Amino acid sequence: MKLTFTAKLILILIVLILFLLTAPAGAVAADDLILTVSEAAGSVGDTIIVKVNIENAANTEGGQFVLSFDPELLRPVSIEAEEFITGSADSMDMANLEYAKGQLKFIWVTAYADTDDSGTLCTVNFELLKEGESLLEINEVVISPEGIDTIVEPGSMIILGNGVTEPAEEYEPEADLDEAADGEEVEDEVIGTSIVLIIIAVIAVLAVAGLLYTKISKKPGAKHVKKK
C-alpha cells in the first residue's frame, strides 16, 4: 500500500514524539569530564595520601590542573602518577609542589589517548602541620584535546590533635547541605526537561491536526451543506 504525503508526515511525527518522550533526560548532552579530590583525615605529624580521581576521560590525551590547599596546615611531600596514566602505552607526567604558596601543579600526557574511561589520576602525600581543616580545590584545569567541559569536585583534609587513636581511613565526612542542594538541582533539571518534551509533543500533535483539517477542507467534494 502506497502512503500519501500526509500519512508519511504523520508517521514521521509520531516516531519523533515517541523518541522524545522515551529518551532519557541525561541523553541530551554528553558526559562532562570530572576531576574529584578525596576526603582524608589524620593527626598532626602524619603523612596522609589524597587521591585525585578522573571520570569520563576516554580518548583524552593529557591535561593539567592546580591543586590549592592551606599552607599553614598542609605541606605537599610528593605526588605520584597512578594507573590511569601509567597504564597508557606512552605517558609522561610532571609536578611542581611549589607552584605558588598553597598551590601545586600537575601535568600529564598520554600520547595515544588509550587510557581507561575513569580511574585514579594521581596521589598526593601531604604532611599534616597543624590542627584544623583545609579545603582541597582543583582549578586552572586544561584538558587535551580542547573543547571538553570539565567539572571539579573539591575534597578536604581534617587535621586532629596528637591524641587521635583511630586511623585516618576510617574518617567518613558527613553529607552537607551542598550535596542536598545538588540533588534538588538535578531533580529540577529532569522535571524541566520533561515539561519541554511534553510541550514539543503537544505542538507536534496540533500541527498534524491542523494539516489534516486544511487537507480535508481543500478537497473538491468537501462543501458545507445548509439545512433548510
N, C-alpha and C. Protein backbone atom coordinates (compact mmCIF):
# COMPACT_ATOMS: atom_id res chain seq x y z
N MET A 1 0.85 -1.19 0.00
CA MET A 1 0.00 0.00 0.00
C MET A 1 0.89 1.24 0.00
N LYS A 2 0.64 2.16 -0.92
CA LYS A 2 1.44 3.38 -1.04
C LYS A 2 0.89 4.45 -0.11
N LEU A 3 1.76 4.99 0.71
CA LEU A 3 1.35 6.02 1.66
C LEU A 3 1.31 7.39 0.99
N THR A 4 0.31 8.17 1.35
CA THR A 4 0.22 9.54 0.85
C THR A 4 1.22 10.41 1.60
N PHE A 5 1.43 11.61 1.07
CA PHE A 5 2.35 12.54 1.73
C PHE A 5 1.92 12.83 3.15
N THR A 6 0.61 13.04 3.34
CA THR A 6 0.08 13.33 4.69
C THR A 6 0.32 12.18 5.64
N ALA A 7 0.11 10.95 5.17
CA ALA A 7 0.30 9.77 6.02
C ALA A 7 1.76 9.62 6.41
N LYS A 8 2.66 9.88 5.44
CA LYS A 8 4.10 9.80 5.74
C LYS A 8 4.48 10.83 6.80
N LEU A 9 3.94 12.06 6.66
CA LEU A 9 4.25 13.12 7.61
C LEU A 9 3.77 12.76 9.01
N ILE A 10 2.56 12.21 9.08
CA ILE A 10 2.00 11.80 10.38
C ILE A 10 2.87 10.72 11.00
N LEU A 11 3.31 9.75 10.21
CA LEU A 11 4.14 8.65 10.72
C LEU A 11 5.47 9.17 11.26
N ILE A 12 6.08 10.11 10.52
CA ILE A 12 7.36 10.68 10.97
C ILE A 12 7.18 11.43 12.29
N LEU A 13 6.10 12.21 12.40
CA LEU A 13 5.85 12.97 13.62
C LEU A 13 5.59 12.05 14.81
N ILE A 14 4.87 10.96 14.57
CA ILE A 14 4.59 10.01 15.65
C ILE A 14 5.89 9.39 16.16
N VAL A 15 6.76 8.98 15.23
CA VAL A 15 8.05 8.40 15.62
C VAL A 15 8.89 9.41 16.41
N LEU A 16 8.88 10.69 15.95
CA LEU A 16 9.63 11.73 16.65
C LEU A 16 9.10 11.95 18.05
N ILE A 17 7.78 11.97 18.20
CA ILE A 17 7.18 12.17 19.52
C ILE A 17 7.55 11.04 20.46
N LEU A 18 7.46 9.79 19.96
CA LEU A 18 7.80 8.64 20.80
C LEU A 18 9.26 8.68 21.23
N PHE A 19 10.15 9.12 20.32
CA PHE A 19 11.58 9.22 20.67
C PHE A 19 11.81 10.26 21.76
N LEU A 20 11.16 11.41 21.62
CA LEU A 20 11.35 12.48 22.60
C LEU A 20 10.81 12.09 23.97
N LEU A 21 9.69 11.38 23.99
CA LEU A 21 9.07 11.02 25.27
C LEU A 21 9.79 9.89 25.97
N THR A 22 10.49 9.03 25.22
CA THR A 22 11.15 7.88 25.83
C THR A 22 12.65 8.07 26.02
N ALA A 23 13.23 9.12 25.43
CA ALA A 23 14.67 9.35 25.57
C ALA A 23 15.00 9.75 26.99
N PRO A 24 16.08 9.20 27.58
CA PRO A 24 16.49 9.60 28.94
C PRO A 24 16.84 11.07 28.98
N ALA A 25 16.53 11.71 30.13
CA ALA A 25 16.80 13.15 30.26
C ALA A 25 18.27 13.46 30.11
N GLY A 26 19.16 12.56 30.58
CA GLY A 26 20.59 12.82 30.51
C GLY A 26 21.18 12.58 29.14
N ALA A 27 20.38 12.06 28.19
CA ALA A 27 20.92 11.73 26.88
C ALA A 27 21.04 12.93 25.96
N VAL A 28 20.54 14.07 26.39
CA VAL A 28 20.55 15.25 25.52
C VAL A 28 21.92 15.92 25.51
N ALA A 29 22.81 15.53 26.39
CA ALA A 29 24.14 16.16 26.41
C ALA A 29 25.19 15.11 26.74
N ALA A 30 26.39 15.28 26.23
CA ALA A 30 27.48 14.35 26.50
C ALA A 30 27.95 14.52 27.94
N ASP A 31 28.52 13.43 28.48
CA ASP A 31 29.02 13.47 29.85
C ASP A 31 30.24 14.38 29.94
N ASP A 32 30.29 15.19 30.98
CA ASP A 32 31.44 16.05 31.22
C ASP A 32 32.54 15.25 31.91
N LEU A 33 33.78 15.66 31.67
CA LEU A 33 34.90 15.08 32.39
C LEU A 33 34.86 15.59 33.83
N ILE A 34 35.13 14.70 34.79
CA ILE A 34 35.03 15.05 36.20
C ILE A 34 36.36 14.78 36.90
N LEU A 35 36.85 15.76 37.63
CA LEU A 35 38.02 15.60 38.50
C LEU A 35 37.57 15.73 39.94
N THR A 36 37.90 14.74 40.77
CA THR A 36 37.45 14.70 42.15
C THR A 36 38.63 14.50 43.09
N VAL A 37 38.65 15.27 44.17
CA VAL A 37 39.67 15.11 45.21
C VAL A 37 39.05 14.37 46.39
N SER A 38 39.76 13.39 46.93
CA SER A 38 39.21 12.58 48.01
C SER A 38 39.24 13.33 49.35
N GLU A 39 38.45 12.83 50.29
CA GLU A 39 38.45 13.32 51.66
C GLU A 39 39.46 12.50 52.48
N ALA A 40 40.10 13.12 53.46
CA ALA A 40 41.05 12.39 54.30
C ALA A 40 41.15 13.05 55.66
N ALA A 41 41.77 12.34 56.60
CA ALA A 41 41.95 12.89 57.95
C ALA A 41 43.14 12.21 58.61
N GLY A 42 43.72 12.90 59.58
CA GLY A 42 44.84 12.34 60.33
C GLY A 42 45.20 13.27 61.46
N SER A 43 46.27 12.96 62.13
CA SER A 43 46.71 13.78 63.24
C SER A 43 47.99 14.53 62.88
N VAL A 44 48.26 15.56 63.63
CA VAL A 44 49.44 16.40 63.37
C VAL A 44 50.70 15.53 63.34
N GLY A 45 51.53 15.73 62.30
CA GLY A 45 52.76 14.96 62.15
C GLY A 45 52.63 13.79 61.19
N ASP A 46 51.40 13.37 60.88
CA ASP A 46 51.20 12.27 59.94
C ASP A 46 51.46 12.73 58.50
N THR A 47 51.72 11.76 57.64
CA THR A 47 51.75 11.99 56.19
C THR A 47 50.60 11.20 55.58
N ILE A 48 49.67 11.88 54.97
CA ILE A 48 48.41 11.27 54.51
C ILE A 48 48.31 11.39 52.99
N ILE A 49 47.79 10.34 52.37
CA ILE A 49 47.61 10.30 50.92
C ILE A 49 46.24 10.84 50.54
N VAL A 50 46.22 11.71 49.53
CA VAL A 50 44.98 12.22 48.95
C VAL A 50 44.94 11.80 47.49
N LYS A 51 43.80 11.27 47.04
CA LYS A 51 43.65 10.82 45.66
C LYS A 51 42.95 11.89 44.81
N VAL A 52 43.42 12.01 43.57
CA VAL A 52 42.71 12.82 42.57
C VAL A 52 42.19 11.84 41.53
N ASN A 53 40.87 11.71 41.44
CA ASN A 53 40.23 10.76 40.54
C ASN A 53 39.68 11.47 39.30
N ILE A 54 39.57 10.72 38.22
CA ILE A 54 39.08 11.27 36.96
C ILE A 54 38.00 10.36 36.38
N GLU A 55 36.97 10.95 35.78
CA GLU A 55 35.86 10.20 35.18
C GLU A 55 35.54 10.77 33.80
N ASN A 56 34.96 9.91 32.96
CA ASN A 56 34.54 10.30 31.61
C ASN A 56 35.71 10.88 30.81
N ALA A 57 36.85 10.20 30.89
CA ALA A 57 38.07 10.73 30.28
C ALA A 57 38.59 9.89 29.13
N ALA A 58 37.76 9.02 28.56
CA ALA A 58 38.20 8.22 27.42
C ALA A 58 38.56 9.13 26.25
N ASN A 59 39.60 8.74 25.51
CA ASN A 59 40.07 9.47 24.31
C ASN A 59 40.72 10.82 24.62
N THR A 60 41.04 11.06 25.88
CA THR A 60 41.79 12.29 26.20
C THR A 60 43.28 12.02 26.07
N GLU A 61 44.05 13.08 25.80
CA GLU A 61 45.48 12.95 25.53
C GLU A 61 46.35 13.56 26.63
N GLY A 62 45.73 14.02 27.71
CA GLY A 62 46.50 14.61 28.79
C GLY A 62 45.82 15.85 29.34
N GLY A 63 46.53 16.54 30.22
CA GLY A 63 45.95 17.75 30.80
C GLY A 63 46.80 18.27 31.94
N GLN A 64 46.27 19.25 32.64
CA GLN A 64 46.95 19.82 33.80
C GLN A 64 45.94 20.46 34.73
N PHE A 65 46.32 20.61 35.99
CA PHE A 65 45.48 21.30 36.96
C PHE A 65 46.34 21.85 38.08
N VAL A 66 45.78 22.77 38.83
CA VAL A 66 46.40 23.31 40.04
C VAL A 66 45.56 22.88 41.22
N LEU A 67 46.21 22.34 42.25
CA LEU A 67 45.52 21.94 43.48
C LEU A 67 45.86 22.93 44.59
N SER A 68 44.83 23.57 45.14
CA SER A 68 45.03 24.58 46.19
C SER A 68 44.73 23.98 47.56
N PHE A 69 45.50 24.41 48.58
CA PHE A 69 45.36 23.90 49.95
C PHE A 69 45.81 24.99 50.91
N ASP A 70 45.58 24.78 52.20
CA ASP A 70 46.01 25.74 53.22
C ASP A 70 47.47 25.45 53.59
N PRO A 71 48.40 26.32 53.22
CA PRO A 71 49.82 26.05 53.50
C PRO A 71 50.17 26.11 54.98
N GLU A 72 49.30 26.69 55.79
CA GLU A 72 49.53 26.72 57.24
C GLU A 72 49.26 25.35 57.86
N LEU A 73 48.46 24.54 57.18
CA LEU A 73 48.06 23.24 57.73
C LEU A 73 48.71 22.07 57.02
N LEU A 74 49.00 22.22 55.72
CA LEU A 74 49.49 21.10 54.91
C LEU A 74 50.77 21.46 54.18
N ARG A 75 51.63 20.45 54.00
CA ARG A 75 52.83 20.60 53.18
C ARG A 75 52.91 19.41 52.23
N PRO A 76 52.84 19.65 50.91
CA PRO A 76 52.94 18.53 49.97
C PRO A 76 54.34 17.95 49.97
N VAL A 77 54.43 16.63 50.12
CA VAL A 77 55.72 15.94 50.19
C VAL A 77 56.09 15.34 48.84
N SER A 78 55.11 14.72 48.18
CA SER A 78 55.37 14.09 46.89
C SER A 78 54.04 13.91 46.16
N ILE A 79 54.14 13.66 44.84
CA ILE A 79 52.96 13.38 44.03
C ILE A 79 53.33 12.29 43.04
N GLU A 80 52.45 11.30 42.89
CA GLU A 80 52.74 10.14 42.04
C GLU A 80 51.62 9.95 41.03
N ALA A 81 51.99 9.69 39.76
CA ALA A 81 51.01 9.32 38.75
C ALA A 81 50.50 7.91 39.04
N GLU A 82 49.22 7.68 38.82
CA GLU A 82 48.64 6.37 39.11
C GLU A 82 48.23 5.65 37.83
N GLU A 83 47.52 4.54 37.99
CA GLU A 83 47.24 3.62 36.90
C GLU A 83 46.57 4.26 35.70
N PHE A 84 45.74 5.26 35.92
CA PHE A 84 45.08 5.91 34.79
C PHE A 84 46.11 6.44 33.79
N ILE A 85 47.23 6.95 34.32
CA ILE A 85 48.29 7.49 33.46
C ILE A 85 49.32 6.42 33.11
N THR A 86 49.82 5.70 34.11
CA THR A 86 50.90 4.74 33.88
C THR A 86 50.45 3.55 33.05
N GLY A 87 49.14 3.29 33.01
CA GLY A 87 48.63 2.18 32.21
C GLY A 87 48.60 2.47 30.73
N SER A 88 48.87 3.71 30.34
CA SER A 88 48.89 4.09 28.94
C SER A 88 50.18 3.57 28.28
N ALA A 89 50.11 3.34 26.97
CA ALA A 89 51.28 2.82 26.24
C ALA A 89 52.44 3.80 26.24
N ASP A 90 52.14 5.09 26.23
CA ASP A 90 53.20 6.11 26.20
C ASP A 90 52.71 7.30 27.03
N SER A 91 53.29 7.49 28.20
CA SER A 91 52.82 8.56 29.09
C SER A 91 53.98 9.32 29.69
N MET A 92 53.68 10.53 30.13
CA MET A 92 54.67 11.37 30.80
C MET A 92 53.93 12.25 31.79
N ASP A 93 54.56 12.54 32.92
CA ASP A 93 53.93 13.42 33.90
C ASP A 93 54.98 14.28 34.59
N MET A 94 54.57 15.45 35.04
CA MET A 94 55.45 16.39 35.75
C MET A 94 54.65 17.04 36.87
N ALA A 95 55.35 17.42 37.94
CA ALA A 95 54.68 18.08 39.06
C ALA A 95 55.57 19.18 39.62
N ASN A 96 54.93 20.23 40.10
CA ASN A 96 55.62 21.32 40.78
C ASN A 96 54.94 21.50 42.13
N LEU A 97 55.59 21.02 43.19
CA LEU A 97 55.00 21.08 44.52
C LEU A 97 55.05 22.49 45.12
N GLU A 98 55.82 23.37 44.51
CA GLU A 98 55.93 24.74 45.00
C GLU A 98 55.51 25.72 43.90
N TYR A 99 54.45 25.41 43.19
CA TYR A 99 53.97 26.24 42.09
C TYR A 99 53.67 27.66 42.57
N ALA A 100 53.01 27.75 43.71
CA ALA A 100 52.72 29.03 44.37
C ALA A 100 52.39 28.71 45.82
N LYS A 101 52.32 29.74 46.66
CA LYS A 101 52.00 29.48 48.05
C LYS A 101 50.62 28.85 48.17
N GLY A 102 50.58 27.67 48.76
CA GLY A 102 49.31 26.97 48.91
C GLY A 102 48.81 26.33 47.64
N GLN A 103 49.70 26.11 46.66
CA GLN A 103 49.29 25.51 45.40
C GLN A 103 50.38 24.59 44.85
N LEU A 104 49.95 23.48 44.24
CA LEU A 104 50.84 22.62 43.48
C LEU A 104 50.24 22.41 42.09
N LYS A 105 51.09 22.08 41.13
CA LYS A 105 50.63 21.90 39.75
C LYS A 105 51.04 20.52 39.25
N PHE A 106 50.11 19.88 38.52
CA PHE A 106 50.36 18.55 37.97
C PHE A 106 50.00 18.54 36.49
N ILE A 107 50.91 17.97 35.67
CA ILE A 107 50.72 17.89 34.22
C ILE A 107 50.93 16.45 33.79
N TRP A 108 50.08 15.96 32.87
CA TRP A 108 50.26 14.61 32.35
C TRP A 108 49.96 14.57 30.85
N VAL A 109 50.59 13.59 30.18
CA VAL A 109 50.39 13.39 28.74
C VAL A 109 50.25 11.90 28.48
N THR A 110 49.22 11.53 27.74
CA THR A 110 49.04 10.15 27.26
C THR A 110 48.90 10.24 25.74
N ALA A 111 50.00 10.08 25.05
CA ALA A 111 50.10 10.43 23.63
C ALA A 111 49.11 9.68 22.74
N TYR A 112 48.80 8.42 23.09
CA TYR A 112 47.94 7.61 22.22
C TYR A 112 46.46 7.67 22.62
N ALA A 113 46.13 8.48 23.61
CA ALA A 113 44.72 8.60 24.06
C ALA A 113 44.11 7.23 24.34
N ASP A 114 44.88 6.37 25.00
CA ASP A 114 44.44 4.99 25.22
C ASP A 114 44.18 4.69 26.69
N THR A 115 43.81 5.69 27.47
CA THR A 115 43.56 5.48 28.90
C THR A 115 42.18 4.85 29.10
N ASP A 116 41.94 4.40 30.32
CA ASP A 116 40.61 3.97 30.69
C ASP A 116 39.67 5.16 30.73
N ASP A 117 38.38 4.88 30.83
CA ASP A 117 37.40 5.96 30.92
C ASP A 117 37.51 6.70 32.25
N SER A 118 37.89 5.98 33.31
CA SER A 118 37.99 6.60 34.63
C SER A 118 39.01 5.86 35.47
N GLY A 119 39.40 6.48 36.59
CA GLY A 119 40.35 5.86 37.50
C GLY A 119 41.03 6.90 38.37
N THR A 120 42.08 6.48 39.09
CA THR A 120 42.85 7.40 39.92
C THR A 120 43.93 8.04 39.07
N LEU A 121 43.87 9.35 38.95
CA LEU A 121 44.83 10.09 38.12
C LEU A 121 46.18 10.18 38.80
N CYS A 122 46.19 10.61 40.08
CA CYS A 122 47.44 10.73 40.83
C CYS A 122 47.12 10.74 42.32
N THR A 123 48.15 10.57 43.12
CA THR A 123 48.02 10.64 44.58
C THR A 123 49.03 11.67 45.10
N VAL A 124 48.61 12.43 46.10
CA VAL A 124 49.46 13.46 46.71
C VAL A 124 49.68 13.11 48.17
N ASN A 125 50.94 13.11 48.60
CA ASN A 125 51.27 12.89 50.01
C ASN A 125 51.41 14.24 50.71
N PHE A 126 50.58 14.46 51.72
CA PHE A 126 50.62 15.70 52.50
C PHE A 126 51.11 15.43 53.91
N GLU A 127 52.02 16.26 54.39
CA GLU A 127 52.39 16.25 55.80
C GLU A 127 51.44 17.19 56.54
N LEU A 128 50.88 16.71 57.65
CA LEU A 128 49.92 17.48 58.42
C LEU A 128 50.67 18.31 59.46
N LEU A 129 50.57 19.64 59.34
CA LEU A 129 51.40 20.53 60.14
C LEU A 129 50.72 21.00 61.42
N LYS A 130 49.43 21.29 61.34
CA LYS A 130 48.75 21.93 62.46
C LYS A 130 47.28 21.52 62.46
N GLU A 131 46.68 21.51 63.63
CA GLU A 131 45.28 21.11 63.75
C GLU A 131 44.37 22.09 63.01
N GLY A 132 43.39 21.53 62.32
CA GLY A 132 42.44 22.37 61.57
C GLY A 132 41.84 21.60 60.42
N GLU A 133 41.27 22.32 59.47
CA GLU A 133 40.65 21.70 58.27
C GLU A 133 41.02 22.53 57.05
N SER A 134 41.49 21.84 56.02
CA SER A 134 41.90 22.50 54.78
C SER A 134 41.05 21.99 53.62
N LEU A 135 40.52 22.91 52.84
CA LEU A 135 39.83 22.56 51.62
C LEU A 135 40.87 22.24 50.55
N LEU A 136 40.59 21.24 49.73
CA LEU A 136 41.47 20.84 48.64
C LEU A 136 40.73 21.11 47.33
N GLU A 137 41.09 22.20 46.65
CA GLU A 137 40.35 22.64 45.48
C GLU A 137 41.19 22.52 44.21
N ILE A 138 40.53 22.05 43.13
CA ILE A 138 41.17 21.98 41.81
C ILE A 138 40.73 23.18 40.98
N ASN A 139 41.68 23.84 40.33
CA ASN A 139 41.36 24.93 39.42
C ASN A 139 42.40 24.99 38.30
N GLU A 140 42.23 25.95 37.39
CA GLU A 140 43.11 26.12 36.23
C GLU A 140 43.27 24.81 35.45
N VAL A 141 42.13 24.15 35.21
CA VAL A 141 42.14 22.86 34.51
C VAL A 141 42.26 23.07 33.00
N VAL A 142 43.15 22.30 32.38
CA VAL A 142 43.28 22.25 30.92
C VAL A 142 43.29 20.78 30.51
N ILE A 143 42.43 20.42 29.56
CA ILE A 143 42.35 19.05 29.08
C ILE A 143 42.59 19.04 27.57
N SER A 144 43.34 18.04 27.11
CA SER A 144 43.59 17.87 25.67
C SER A 144 42.86 16.61 25.18
N PRO A 145 42.17 16.69 24.02
CA PRO A 145 42.03 17.83 23.12
C PRO A 145 41.10 18.90 23.69
N GLU A 146 41.10 20.08 23.05
CA GLU A 146 40.28 21.19 23.52
C GLU A 146 38.80 20.90 23.31
N GLY A 147 37.98 21.67 24.03
CA GLY A 147 36.54 21.57 23.85
C GLY A 147 35.85 20.62 24.80
N ILE A 148 36.57 20.04 25.75
CA ILE A 148 35.97 19.11 26.71
C ILE A 148 35.56 19.89 27.96
N ASP A 149 34.28 19.84 28.29
CA ASP A 149 33.80 20.50 29.50
C ASP A 149 34.22 19.70 30.73
N THR A 150 34.61 20.42 31.78
CA THR A 150 35.14 19.77 32.98
C THR A 150 34.39 20.22 34.22
N ILE A 151 34.09 19.26 35.09
CA ILE A 151 33.50 19.53 36.40
C ILE A 151 34.52 19.14 37.46
N VAL A 152 34.74 20.00 38.46
CA VAL A 152 35.68 19.70 39.54
C VAL A 152 34.92 19.60 40.86
N GLU A 153 35.29 18.61 41.65
CA GLU A 153 34.67 18.40 42.96
C GLU A 153 35.77 18.42 44.03
N PRO A 154 35.78 19.42 44.89
CA PRO A 154 36.85 19.54 45.88
C PRO A 154 36.78 18.48 46.98
N GLY A 155 37.90 18.27 47.65
CA GLY A 155 37.95 17.41 48.81
C GLY A 155 38.36 18.22 50.02
N SER A 156 38.72 17.55 51.10
CA SER A 156 39.17 18.26 52.30
C SER A 156 40.06 17.36 53.13
N MET A 157 40.86 18.00 53.98
CA MET A 157 41.73 17.28 54.91
C MET A 157 41.43 17.75 56.32
N ILE A 158 41.10 16.82 57.19
CA ILE A 158 40.87 17.12 58.60
C ILE A 158 42.14 16.78 59.38
N ILE A 159 42.70 17.75 60.09
CA ILE A 159 43.89 17.50 60.90
C ILE A 159 43.50 17.61 62.37
N LEU A 160 43.65 16.51 63.09
CA LEU A 160 43.29 16.46 64.50
C LEU A 160 44.54 16.52 65.37
N GLY A 161 44.32 16.61 66.66
CA GLY A 161 45.44 16.70 67.60
C GLY A 161 46.23 15.41 67.69
N ASN A 162 47.33 15.44 68.42
CA ASN A 162 48.20 14.28 68.53
C ASN A 162 47.58 13.11 69.27
N GLY A 163 46.48 13.35 69.95
CA GLY A 163 45.84 12.27 70.72
C GLY A 163 44.92 11.40 69.91
N VAL A 164 44.84 11.57 68.60
CA VAL A 164 43.94 10.77 67.76
C VAL A 164 44.41 9.32 67.77
N THR A 165 43.45 8.41 67.97
CA THR A 165 43.80 7.00 68.01
C THR A 165 43.28 6.23 66.80
N GLU A 166 42.15 6.66 66.22
CA GLU A 166 41.60 5.92 65.08
C GLU A 166 42.36 6.26 63.81
N PRO A 167 42.52 5.29 62.89
CA PRO A 167 43.26 5.56 61.65
C PRO A 167 42.50 6.52 60.74
N ALA A 168 43.23 7.25 59.91
CA ALA A 168 42.62 8.28 59.07
C ALA A 168 41.63 7.70 58.08
N GLU A 169 41.86 6.43 57.60
CA GLU A 169 40.98 5.88 56.58
C GLU A 169 39.57 5.60 57.10
N GLU A 170 39.39 5.61 58.43
CA GLU A 170 38.06 5.38 58.98
C GLU A 170 37.21 6.64 58.97
N TYR A 171 37.82 7.76 58.68
CA TYR A 171 37.09 9.02 58.67
C TYR A 171 36.09 9.06 57.52
N GLU A 172 34.85 9.34 57.82
CA GLU A 172 33.80 9.44 56.80
C GLU A 172 33.09 10.77 57.00
N PRO A 173 33.36 11.77 56.14
CA PRO A 173 32.71 13.08 56.30
C PRO A 173 31.21 12.98 56.10
N GLU A 174 30.47 13.75 56.90
CA GLU A 174 29.03 13.75 56.77
C GLU A 174 28.61 14.54 55.54
N ALA A 175 27.51 14.11 54.94
CA ALA A 175 26.98 14.83 53.78
C ALA A 175 26.53 16.21 54.23
N ASP A 176 26.86 17.25 53.46
CA ASP A 176 26.49 18.60 53.83
C ASP A 176 25.31 19.09 53.02
N LEU A 177 24.91 20.34 53.29
CA LEU A 177 23.74 20.89 52.62
C LEU A 177 23.98 21.10 51.14
N ASP A 178 25.23 21.29 50.73
CA ASP A 178 25.53 21.48 49.32
C ASP A 178 25.15 20.25 48.51
N GLU A 179 25.39 19.04 49.06
CA GLU A 179 25.04 17.82 48.35
C GLU A 179 23.53 17.72 48.17
N ALA A 180 22.77 18.09 49.20
CA ALA A 180 21.32 18.08 49.09
C ALA A 180 20.84 19.06 48.04
N ALA A 181 21.49 20.23 48.01
CA ALA A 181 21.11 21.23 47.01
C ALA A 181 21.41 20.73 45.61
N ASP A 182 22.55 20.03 45.44
CA ASP A 182 22.89 19.49 44.13
C ASP A 182 21.83 18.49 43.67
N GLY A 183 21.35 17.67 44.61
CA GLY A 183 20.32 16.70 44.28
C GLY A 183 19.03 17.36 43.84
N GLU A 184 18.67 18.45 44.52
CA GLU A 184 17.46 19.18 44.14
C GLU A 184 17.61 19.81 42.77
N GLU A 185 18.83 20.33 42.46
CA GLU A 185 19.05 20.95 41.15
C GLU A 185 18.90 19.92 40.04
N VAL A 186 19.43 18.70 40.25
CA VAL A 186 19.31 17.65 39.25
C VAL A 186 17.85 17.28 39.03
N GLU A 187 17.10 17.17 40.15
CA GLU A 187 15.68 16.82 40.04
C GLU A 187 14.92 17.89 39.28
N ASP A 188 15.21 19.16 39.57
CA ASP A 188 14.54 20.27 38.86
C ASP A 188 14.87 20.24 37.38
N GLU A 189 16.12 19.89 37.05
CA GLU A 189 16.52 19.85 35.65
C GLU A 189 15.77 18.75 34.89
N VAL A 190 15.61 17.58 35.54
CA VAL A 190 14.87 16.48 34.90
C VAL A 190 13.42 16.87 34.67
N ILE A 191 12.80 17.51 35.69
CA ILE A 191 11.41 17.93 35.56
C ILE A 191 11.26 18.94 34.43
N GLY A 192 12.20 19.91 34.37
CA GLY A 192 12.15 20.92 33.32
C GLY A 192 12.27 20.30 31.94
N THR A 193 13.17 19.30 31.80
CA THR A 193 13.33 18.64 30.50
C THR A 193 12.07 17.90 30.10
N SER A 194 11.41 17.23 31.06
CA SER A 194 10.17 16.51 30.78
C SER A 194 9.08 17.45 30.30
N ILE A 195 8.98 18.62 30.94
CA ILE A 195 7.96 19.60 30.55
C ILE A 195 8.20 20.06 29.12
N VAL A 196 9.46 20.33 28.77
CA VAL A 196 9.79 20.77 27.41
C VAL A 196 9.40 19.71 26.39
N LEU A 197 9.69 18.43 26.70
CA LEU A 197 9.35 17.35 25.78
C LEU A 197 7.85 17.23 25.60
N ILE A 198 7.10 17.41 26.68
CA ILE A 198 5.64 17.33 26.58
C ILE A 198 5.09 18.46 25.72
N ILE A 199 5.65 19.67 25.90
CA ILE A 199 5.21 20.81 25.10
C ILE A 199 5.48 20.55 23.62
N ILE A 200 6.67 20.01 23.30
CA ILE A 200 7.01 19.70 21.92
C ILE A 200 6.03 18.69 21.34
N ALA A 201 5.69 17.67 22.14
CA ALA A 201 4.76 16.65 21.67
C ALA A 201 3.39 17.24 21.38
N VAL A 202 2.90 18.12 22.26
CA VAL A 202 1.59 18.75 22.07
C VAL A 202 1.59 19.61 20.81
N ILE A 203 2.67 20.38 20.60
CA ILE A 203 2.77 21.22 19.41
C ILE A 203 2.75 20.36 18.14
N ALA A 204 3.46 19.23 18.18
CA ALA A 204 3.51 18.35 17.01
C ALA A 204 2.12 17.78 16.70
N VAL A 205 1.39 17.37 17.75
CA VAL A 205 0.03 16.83 17.55
C VAL A 205 -0.89 17.89 16.97
N LEU A 206 -0.82 19.13 17.50
CA LEU A 206 -1.66 20.21 16.98
C LEU A 206 -1.31 20.53 15.53
N ALA A 207 -0.01 20.44 15.19
CA ALA A 207 0.41 20.70 13.81
C ALA A 207 -0.18 19.66 12.87
N VAL A 208 -0.17 18.39 13.29
CA VAL A 208 -0.75 17.33 12.46
C VAL A 208 -2.24 17.53 12.29
N ALA A 209 -2.92 17.88 13.40
CA ALA A 209 -4.37 18.10 13.33
C ALA A 209 -4.70 19.26 12.39
N GLY A 210 -3.92 20.34 12.45
CA GLY A 210 -4.15 21.47 11.57
C GLY A 210 -3.92 21.11 10.12
N LEU A 211 -2.88 20.31 9.86
CA LEU A 211 -2.59 19.89 8.50
C LEU A 211 -3.71 19.05 7.93
N LEU A 212 -4.23 18.12 8.74
CA LEU A 212 -5.33 17.27 8.29
C LEU A 212 -6.57 18.09 7.99
N TYR A 213 -6.87 19.05 8.87
CA TYR A 213 -8.05 19.89 8.66
C TYR A 213 -7.93 20.68 7.36
N THR A 214 -6.74 21.25 7.12
CA THR A 214 -6.51 22.02 5.89
C THR A 214 -6.63 21.12 4.66
N LYS A 215 -6.08 19.91 4.77
CA LYS A 215 -6.12 18.97 3.65
C LYS A 215 -7.54 18.60 3.29
N ILE A 216 -8.35 18.32 4.34
CA ILE A 216 -9.75 17.91 4.10
C ILE A 216 -10.58 19.05 3.55
N SER A 217 -10.39 20.26 4.09
CA SER A 217 -11.20 21.40 3.67
C SER A 217 -10.92 21.81 2.24
N LYS A 218 -9.75 21.46 1.71
CA LYS A 218 -9.38 21.84 0.35
C LYS A 218 -9.80 20.81 -0.69
N LYS A 219 -10.35 19.67 -0.25
CA LYS A 219 -10.81 18.67 -1.21
C LYS A 219 -11.97 19.21 -2.03
N PRO A 220 -12.04 18.89 -3.35
CA PRO A 220 -13.11 19.41 -4.22
C PRO A 220 -14.51 19.05 -3.75
N GLY A 221 -14.67 17.85 -3.19
CA GLY A 221 -16.02 17.42 -2.77
C GLY A 221 -16.42 17.88 -1.41
N ALA A 222 -15.52 18.59 -0.73
CA ALA A 222 -15.82 18.99 0.64
C ALA A 222 -16.56 20.32 0.62
N LYS A 223 -17.89 20.30 0.81
CA LYS A 223 -18.72 21.52 0.80
C LYS A 223 -19.60 21.53 2.04
N HIS A 224 -19.88 22.70 2.51
CA HIS A 224 -20.78 22.85 3.65
C HIS A 224 -22.21 22.89 3.15
N VAL A 225 -23.08 22.05 3.69
CA VAL A 225 -24.49 21.97 3.28
C VAL A 225 -25.34 22.57 4.36
N LYS A 226 -26.15 23.53 3.99
CA LYS A 226 -27.06 24.17 4.94
C LYS A 226 -28.41 23.50 4.91
N LYS A 227 -28.93 23.21 6.09
CA LYS A 227 -30.26 22.62 6.18
C LYS A 227 -31.30 23.72 6.19
N LYS A 228 -32.40 23.47 5.43
CA LYS A 228 -33.50 24.44 5.42
C LYS A 228 -34.35 24.28 6.64
